[in-house]
C-alpha atoms as a PDB file:
ATOM      1  CA  UNK A   1     -53.586-370.119  58.842  1.00  0.00           C
ATOM      2  CA  UNK A   2     -54.200-369.428  55.096  1.00  0.00           C
ATOM      3  CA  UNK A   3     -54.384-371.977  52.323  1.00  0.00           C
ATOM      4  CA  UNK A   4     -54.777-371.705  48.553  1.00  0.00           C
ATOM      5  CA  UNK A   5     -57.730-369.794  47.086  1.00  0.00           C
ATOM      6  CA  UNK A   6     -57.768-367.424  50.053  1.00  0.00           C
ATOM      7  CA  UNK A   7     -59.468-369.854  52.407  1.00  0.00           C
ATOM      8  CA  UNK A   8     -58.563-369.389  56.086  1.00  0.00           C
ATOM      9  CA  UNK A   9     -58.934-372.084  58.725  1.00  0.00           C
ATOM     10  CA  UNK A  10     -58.202-372.134  62.448  1.00  0.00           C
ATOM     11  CA  UNK A  11     -55.812-374.698  63.869  1.00  0.00           C
ATOM     12  CA  UNK A  12     -55.376-375.386  67.574  1.00  0.00           C
ATOM     13  CA  UNK A  13     -51.880-376.320  68.729  1.00  0.00           C
ATOM     14  CA  UNK A  14     -51.980-378.992  71.424  1.00  0.00           C
ATOM     15  CA  UNK A  15     -49.434-381.315  73.016  1.00  0.00           C
ATOM     16  CA  UNK A  16     -50.480-384.306  70.830  1.00  0.00           C
ATOM     17  CA  UNK A  17     -50.243-382.432  67.502  1.00  0.00           C
ATOM     18  CA  UNK A  18     -47.283-380.158  68.254  1.00  0.00           C
ATOM     19  CA  UNK A  19     -44.765-382.534  66.668  1.00  0.00           C
ATOM     20  CA  UNK A  20     -46.864-382.624  63.500  1.00  0.00           C
ATOM     21  CA  UNK A  21     -46.184-378.904  62.968  1.00  0.00           C
ATOM     22  CA  UNK A  22     -42.694-378.528  64.475  1.00  0.00           C
ATOM     23  CA  UNK A  23     -41.139-381.905  63.681  1.00  0.00           C
ATOM     24  CA  UNK A  24     -39.053-384.119  65.972  1.00  0.00           C
ATOM     25  CA  UNK A  25     -37.585-382.724  69.174  1.00  0.00           C
ATOM     26  CA  UNK A  26     -34.040-381.508  68.571  1.00  0.00           C
ATOM     27  CA  UNK A  27     -33.107-380.963  72.219  1.00  0.00           C
ATOM     28  CA  UNK A  28     -34.086-383.383  74.953  1.00  0.00           C
ATOM     29  CA  UNK A  29     -34.026-382.033  78.523  1.00  0.00           C
ATOM     30  CA  UNK A  30     -32.019-383.863  81.165  1.00  0.00           C
ATOM     31  CA  UNK A  31     -34.207-385.795  83.576  1.00  0.00           C
ATOM     32  CA  UNK A  32     -33.254-387.090  86.987  1.00  0.00           C
ATOM     33  CA  UNK A  33     -31.784-390.558  87.324  1.00  0.00           C
ATOM     34  CA  UNK A  34     -34.219-393.398  87.919  1.00  0.00           C
ATOM     35  CA  UNK A  35     -32.443-394.884  90.950  1.00  0.00           C
ATOM     36  CA  UNK A  36     -29.799-394.030  93.525  1.00  0.00           C
ATOM     37  CA  UNK A  37     -26.274-394.831  92.334  1.00  0.00           C
ATOM     38  CA  UNK A  38     -22.764-394.824  93.738  1.00  0.00           C
ATOM     39  CA  UNK A  39     -20.492-392.120  92.356  1.00  0.00           C
ATOM     40  CA  UNK A  40     -22.974-389.983  90.429  1.00  0.00           C
ATOM     41  CA  UNK A  41     -24.374-386.734  91.803  1.00  0.00           C
ATOM     42  CA  UNK A  42     -26.850-384.287  90.291  1.00  0.00           C
ATOM     43  CA  UNK A  43     -25.609-380.722  90.028  1.00  0.00           C
ATOM     44  CA  UNK A  44     -27.156-377.519  88.737  1.00  0.00           C
ATOM     45  CA  UNK A  45     -25.332-375.268  86.281  1.00  0.00           C
ATOM     46  CA  UNK A  46     -25.905-371.826  84.784  1.00  0.00           C
ATOM     47  CA  UNK A  47     -25.425-371.386  81.035  1.00  0.00           C
ATOM     48  CA  UNK A  48     -26.024-368.408  78.694  1.00  0.00           C
ATOM     49  CA  UNK A  49     -29.264-370.111  77.612  1.00  0.00           C
ATOM     50  CA  UNK A  50     -30.519-370.850  81.132  1.00  0.00           C
ATOM     51  CA  UNK A  51     -30.042-373.424  83.879  1.00  0.00           C
ATOM     52  CA  UNK A  52     -29.197-377.070  83.261  1.00  0.00           C
ATOM     53  CA  UNK A  53     -29.011-380.346  85.151  1.00  0.00           C
ATOM     54  CA  UNK A  54     -25.373-381.435  85.387  1.00  0.00           C
ATOM     55  CA  UNK A  55     -24.422-385.020  86.225  1.00  0.00           C
ATOM     56  CA  UNK A  56     -21.025-385.542  87.829  1.00  0.00           C
ATOM     57  CA  UNK A  57     -19.632-389.076  87.687  1.00  0.00           C
ATOM     58  CA  UNK A  58     -16.748-390.340  89.809  1.00  0.00           C
ATOM     59  CA  UNK A  59     -14.972-393.674  89.732  1.00  0.00           C
ATOM     60  CA  UNK A  60     -12.079-395.201  91.687  1.00  0.00           C
ATOM     61  CA  UNK A  61      -9.784-397.879  90.298  1.00  0.00           C
ATOM     62  CA  UNK A  62      -6.499-399.444  91.324  1.00  0.00           C
ATOM     63  CA  UNK A  63      -3.673-396.973  90.926  1.00  0.00           C
ATOM     64  CA  UNK A  64      -1.371-394.556  92.729  1.00  0.00           C
ATOM     65  CA  UNK A  65      -3.569-391.605  93.648  1.00  0.00           C
ATOM     66  CA  UNK A  66      -3.832-389.811  90.292  1.00  0.00           C
ATOM     67  CA  UNK A  67      -6.808-387.605  89.418  1.00  0.00           C
ATOM     68  CA  UNK A  68      -8.234-387.848  85.888  1.00  0.00           C
ATOM     69  CA  UNK A  69     -10.674-385.168  84.695  1.00  0.00           C
ATOM     70  CA  UNK A  70     -12.733-385.472  81.510  1.00  0.00           C
ATOM     71  CA  UNK A  71     -15.794-383.859  79.987  1.00  0.00           C
ATOM     72  CA  UNK A  72     -14.492-380.474  78.752  1.00  0.00           C
ATOM     73  CA  UNK A  73     -14.087-378.930  82.193  1.00  0.00           C
ATOM     74  CA  UNK A  74     -12.765-375.386  82.336  1.00  0.00           C
ATOM     75  CA  UNK A  75      -9.893-374.374  84.604  1.00  0.00           C
ATOM     76  CA  UNK A  76     -12.139-373.229  87.449  1.00  0.00           C
ATOM     77  CA  UNK A  77     -14.034-376.519  87.528  1.00  0.00           C
ATOM     78  CA  UNK A  78     -10.781-378.480  87.412  1.00  0.00           C
ATOM     79  CA  UNK A  79      -9.607-376.580  90.475  1.00  0.00           C
ATOM     80  CA  UNK A  80     -12.908-377.349  92.189  1.00  0.00           C
ATOM     81  CA  UNK A  81     -12.375-381.049  91.469  1.00  0.00           C
ATOM     82  CA  UNK A  82      -8.900-380.946  92.996  1.00  0.00           C
ATOM     83  CA  UNK A  83     -10.260-379.133  96.058  1.00  0.00           C
ATOM     84  CA  UNK A  84     -13.017-381.747  96.382  1.00  0.00           C
ATOM     85  CA  UNK A  85     -10.468-384.569  96.358  1.00  0.00           C
ATOM     86  CA  UNK A  86      -8.268-382.790  98.897  1.00  0.00           C
ATOM     87  CA  UNK A  87     -11.265-382.237 101.162  1.00  0.00           C
ATOM     88  CA  UNK A  88     -12.218-385.916 100.899  1.00  0.00           C
ATOM     89  CA  UNK A  89      -8.685-387.035 101.774  1.00  0.00           C
ATOM     90  CA  UNK A  90      -8.382-384.605 104.681  1.00  0.00           C
ATOM     91  CA  UNK A  91     -11.692-385.820 106.166  1.00  0.00           C
ATOM     92  CA  UNK A  92     -11.254-389.524 105.411  1.00  0.00           C
ATOM     93  CA  UNK A  93     -11.550-390.479 109.078  1.00  0.00           C
ATOM     94  CA  UNK A  94     -14.834-388.559 109.427  1.00  0.00           C
ATOM     95  CA  UNK A  95     -16.376-390.688 106.676  1.00  0.00           C
ATOM     96  CA  UNK A  96     -14.721-393.955 107.716  1.00  0.00           C
ATOM     97  CA  UNK A  97     -12.492-394.110 104.638  1.00  0.00           C
ATOM     98  CA  UNK A  98      -9.177-395.948 104.924  1.00  0.00           C
ATOM     99  CA  UNK A  99      -6.453-393.337 104.288  1.00  0.00           C
ATOM    100  CA  UNK A 100      -4.475-395.888 102.243  1.00  0.00           C
ATOM    101  CA  UNK A 101      -7.377-395.962  99.789  1.00  0.00           C
ATOM    102  CA  UNK A 102      -6.131-392.683  98.293  1.00  0.00           C
ATOM    103  CA  UNK A 103      -2.626-393.966  97.581  1.00  0.00           C
ATOM    104  CA  UNK A 104      -3.768-397.281  96.137  1.00  0.00           C
ATOM    105  CA  UNK A 105      -6.430-395.927  93.770  1.00  0.00           C
ATOM    106  CA  UNK A 106      -6.714-393.461  90.906  1.00  0.00           C
ATOM    107  CA  UNK A 107      -9.800-391.244  90.704  1.00  0.00           C
ATOM    108  CA  UNK A 108     -11.638-390.362  87.516  1.00  0.00           C
ATOM    109  CA  UNK A 109     -14.194-387.555  87.460  1.00  0.00           C
ATOM    110  CA  UNK A 110     -16.268-387.232  84.309  1.00  0.00           C
ATOM    111  CA  UNK A 111     -19.079-384.950  83.210  1.00  0.00           C
ATOM    112  CA  UNK A 112     -21.124-386.463  80.348  1.00  0.00           C
ATOM    113  CA  UNK A 113     -22.061-384.477  77.236  1.00  0.00           C
ATOM    114  CA  UNK A 114     -18.424-383.520  76.758  1.00  0.00           C
ATOM    115  CA  UNK A 115     -19.179-381.449  73.647  1.00  0.00           C
ATOM    116  CA  UNK A 116     -20.552-378.680  75.882  1.00  0.00           C
ATOM    117  CA  UNK A 117     -17.782-376.733  77.689  1.00  0.00           C
ATOM    118  CA  UNK A 118     -18.421-376.387  81.426  1.00  0.00           C
ATOM    119  CA  UNK A 119     -16.825-374.003  83.860  1.00  0.00           C
ATOM    120  CA  UNK A 120     -17.593-371.819  86.832  1.00  0.00           C
ATOM    121  CA  UNK A 121     -17.318-372.021  90.609  1.00  0.00           C
ATOM    122  CA  UNK A 122     -20.562-373.784  91.433  1.00  0.00           C
ATOM    123  CA  UNK A 123     -19.923-377.550  91.209  1.00  0.00           C
ATOM    124  CA  UNK A 124     -17.734-378.011  94.283  1.00  0.00           C
ATOM    125  CA  UNK A 125     -20.307-379.723  96.481  1.00  0.00           C
ATOM    126  CA  UNK A 126     -21.454-381.910  93.584  1.00  0.00           C
ATOM    127  CA  UNK A 127     -17.885-383.040  92.915  1.00  0.00           C
ATOM    128  CA  UNK A 128     -17.257-383.719  96.613  1.00  0.00           C
ATOM    129  CA  UNK A 129     -20.502-385.689  96.920  1.00  0.00           C
ATOM    130  CA  UNK A 130     -19.623-387.923  93.964  1.00  0.00           C
ATOM    131  CA  UNK A 131     -16.118-388.558  95.338  1.00  0.00           C
ATOM    132  CA  UNK A 132     -17.207-389.353  98.895  1.00  0.00           C
ATOM    133  CA  UNK A 133     -19.907-391.625  97.473  1.00  0.00           C
ATOM    134  CA  UNK A 134     -17.271-393.620  95.562  1.00  0.00           C
ATOM    135  CA  UNK A 135     -14.937-393.850  98.549  1.00  0.00           C
ATOM    136  CA  UNK A 136     -17.648-394.910 101.012  1.00  0.00           C
ATOM    137  CA  UNK A 137     -19.718-396.990  98.552  1.00  0.00           C
ATOM    138  CA  UNK A 138     -22.799-395.044  99.616  1.00  0.00           C
ATOM    139  CA  UNK A 139     -25.232-394.175  96.786  1.00  0.00           C
ATOM    140  CA  UNK A 140     -26.290-390.580  96.119  1.00  0.00           C
ATOM    141  CA  UNK A 141     -29.984-389.763  96.295  1.00  0.00           C
ATOM    142  CA  UNK A 142     -31.390-389.099  92.839  1.00  0.00           C
ATOM    143  CA  UNK A 143     -34.156-386.792  94.056  1.00  0.00           C
ATOM    144  CA  UNK A 144     -31.678-384.125  95.200  1.00  0.00           C
ATOM    145  CA  UNK A 145     -29.860-381.588  93.002  1.00  0.00           C
ATOM    146  CA  UNK A 146     -27.244-379.182  94.312  1.00  0.00           C
ATOM    147  CA  UNK A 147     -25.070-376.177  93.600  1.00  0.00           C
ATOM    148  CA  UNK A 148     -22.335-374.540  95.651  1.00  0.00           C
ATOM    149  CA  UNK A 149     -18.575-374.081  95.802  1.00  0.00           C
ATOM    150  CA  UNK A 150     -16.344-375.465  98.556  1.00  0.00           C
ATOM    151  CA  UNK A 151     -13.200-374.484 100.388  1.00  0.00           C
ATOM    152  CA  UNK A 152     -10.519-376.842 101.675  1.00  0.00           C
ATOM    153  CA  UNK A 153     -11.908-376.220 105.161  1.00  0.00           C
ATOM    154  CA  UNK A 154     -15.271-377.610 104.074  1.00  0.00           C
ATOM    155  CA  UNK A 155     -17.184-374.333 103.879  1.00  0.00           C
ATOM    156  CA  UNK A 156     -19.869-373.970 101.205  1.00  0.00           C
ATOM    157  CA  UNK A 157     -19.656-370.707  99.253  1.00  0.00           C
ATOM    158  CA  UNK A 158     -22.444-368.843  97.477  1.00  0.00           C
ATOM    159  CA  UNK A 159     -22.964-369.076  93.712  1.00  0.00           C
ATOM    160  CA  UNK A 160     -24.899-367.272  90.989  1.00  0.00           C
ATOM    161  CA  UNK A 161     -27.763-368.093  88.653  1.00  0.00           C
ATOM    162  CA  UNK A 162     -30.148-369.277  91.380  1.00  0.00           C
ATOM    163  CA  UNK A 163     -33.359-368.579  89.441  1.00  0.00           C
ATOM    164  CA  UNK A 164     -32.121-370.432  86.352  1.00  0.00           C
ATOM    165  CA  UNK A 165     -30.892-373.357  88.450  1.00  0.00           C
ATOM    166  CA  UNK A 166     -34.249-373.655  90.232  1.00  0.00           C
ATOM    167  CA  UNK A 167     -35.976-373.809  86.853  1.00  0.00           C
ATOM    168  CA  UNK A 168     -33.553-376.532  85.747  1.00  0.00           C
ATOM    169  CA  UNK A 169     -34.245-378.531  88.921  1.00  0.00           C
ATOM    170  CA  UNK A 170     -37.981-378.280  88.266  1.00  0.00           C
ATOM    171  CA  UNK A 171     -37.577-379.442  84.678  1.00  0.00           C
ATOM    172  CA  UNK A 172     -35.321-382.271  85.873  1.00  0.00           C
ATOM    173  CA  UNK A 173     -38.090-383.521  88.192  1.00  0.00           C
ATOM    174  CA  UNK A 174     -35.997-383.502  91.348  1.00  0.00           C
ATOM    175  CA  UNK A 175     -37.702-382.969  94.687  1.00  0.00           C
ATOM    176  CA  UNK A 176     -35.074-381.089  96.714  1.00  0.00           C
ATOM    177  CA  UNK A 177     -32.429-378.459  96.000  1.00  0.00           C
ATOM    178  CA  UNK A 178     -29.324-377.911  98.133  1.00  0.00           C
ATOM    179  CA  UNK A 179     -28.103-374.304  98.154  1.00  0.00           C
ATOM    180  CA  UNK A 180     -25.414-372.402 100.062  1.00  0.00           C
ATOM    181  CA  UNK A 181     -26.879-370.527 103.019  1.00  0.00           C
ATOM    182  CA  UNK A 182     -25.788-367.074 101.729  1.00  0.00           C
ATOM    183  CA  UNK A 183     -27.913-367.622  98.600  1.00  0.00           C
ATOM    184  CA  UNK A 184     -31.135-367.441 100.625  1.00  0.00           C
ATOM    185  CA  UNK A 185     -31.439-363.759  99.646  1.00  0.00           C
ATOM    186  CA  UNK A 186     -31.471-364.722  95.945  1.00  0.00           C
ATOM    187  CA  UNK A 187     -34.648-366.766  96.349  1.00  0.00           C
ATOM    188  CA  UNK A 188     -36.659-363.570  95.909  1.00  0.00           C
ATOM    189  CA  UNK A 189     -35.914-363.911  92.180  1.00  0.00           C
ATOM    190  CA  UNK A 190     -37.517-367.375  92.060  1.00  0.00           C
ATOM    191  CA  UNK A 191     -41.302-367.449  91.417  1.00  0.00           C
ATOM    192  CA  UNK A 192     -43.199-368.299  94.600  1.00  0.00           C
ATOM    193  CA  UNK A 193     -45.089-371.216  93.072  1.00  0.00           C
ATOM    194  CA  UNK A 194     -41.786-372.756  91.982  1.00  0.00           C
ATOM    195  CA  UNK A 195     -40.255-372.363  95.452  1.00  0.00           C
ATOM    196  CA  UNK A 196     -43.261-374.125  96.933  1.00  0.00           C
ATOM    197  CA  UNK A 197     -42.876-377.136  94.632  1.00  0.00           C
ATOM    198  CA  UNK A 198     -39.271-377.863  95.597  1.00  0.00           C
ATOM    199  CA  UNK A 199     -37.868-378.560  99.044  1.00  0.00           C
ATOM    200  CA  UNK A 200     -35.066-376.115  99.823  1.00  0.00           C
ATOM    201  CA  UNK A 201     -32.054-377.238 101.878  1.00  0.00           C
ATOM    202  CA  UNK A 202     -29.667-374.454 102.923  1.00  0.00           C
ATOM    203  CA  UNK A 203     -26.179-375.540 104.010  1.00  0.00           C
ATOM    204  CA  UNK A 204     -23.006-373.967 105.352  1.00  0.00           C
ATOM    205  CA  UNK A 205     -20.674-376.997 105.426  1.00  0.00           C
ATOM    206  CA  UNK A 206     -19.906-379.905 103.099  1.00  0.00           C
ATOM    207  CA  UNK A 207     -20.764-382.450 105.814  1.00  0.00           C
ATOM    208  CA  UNK A 208     -24.321-381.055 105.852  1.00  0.00           C
ATOM    209  CA  UNK A 209     -24.550-381.693 102.109  1.00  0.00           C
ATOM    210  CA  UNK A 210     -23.355-385.283 102.522  1.00  0.00           C
ATOM    211  CA  UNK A 211     -25.794-385.997 105.348  1.00  0.00           C
ATOM    212  CA  UNK A 212     -28.659-385.039 103.051  1.00  0.00           C
ATOM    213  CA  UNK A 213     -27.354-386.367  99.721  1.00  0.00           C
ATOM    214  CA  UNK A 214     -25.904-389.779 100.586  1.00  0.00           C
ATOM    215  CA  UNK A 215     -28.081-392.801 101.288  1.00  0.00           C
END
């Protein structure tokens, strides 16, 4: 670093003095929730700038079975939300949910940070987890993040961006990552040291996701 009169000095950049040179942080990374909560699940999303933690919130209130979607969801994600609700209704008995619950309540699914558009077929299991959590009043574990699409039959389909999503999970300080079974081959792209720091849970069905994710 050069100063006036041609004098050159060395400056070491360290964590404590970094803000002094770069200023305040402009982007704060998402961190995992501090405690298990009902109706909020931690998803993993791919974006053009890398992977991100994605929180999906669900709420049920008195109504007539309507589905409300907010948070700048794209068409694909909206369809995933509808599929997640249909799956939950079709398997109500499996999760000890009164079938009349769906005709006497409206359901609101929201993804915070609505200024950032979100789309893509990878949030199905996250949406289903948040919905089943609301309907059963069972909290979702905060130390688990997930990615995967679902079918109406309850199958979990493979997704893309596995390396970026693993990096996001690591930054978000979660302990376990739920992935579709077919994505096992994509783990070769993830650095070995990163794979060893996170517990990997491979699933084929939505009920496997719920067994791991719900308290």
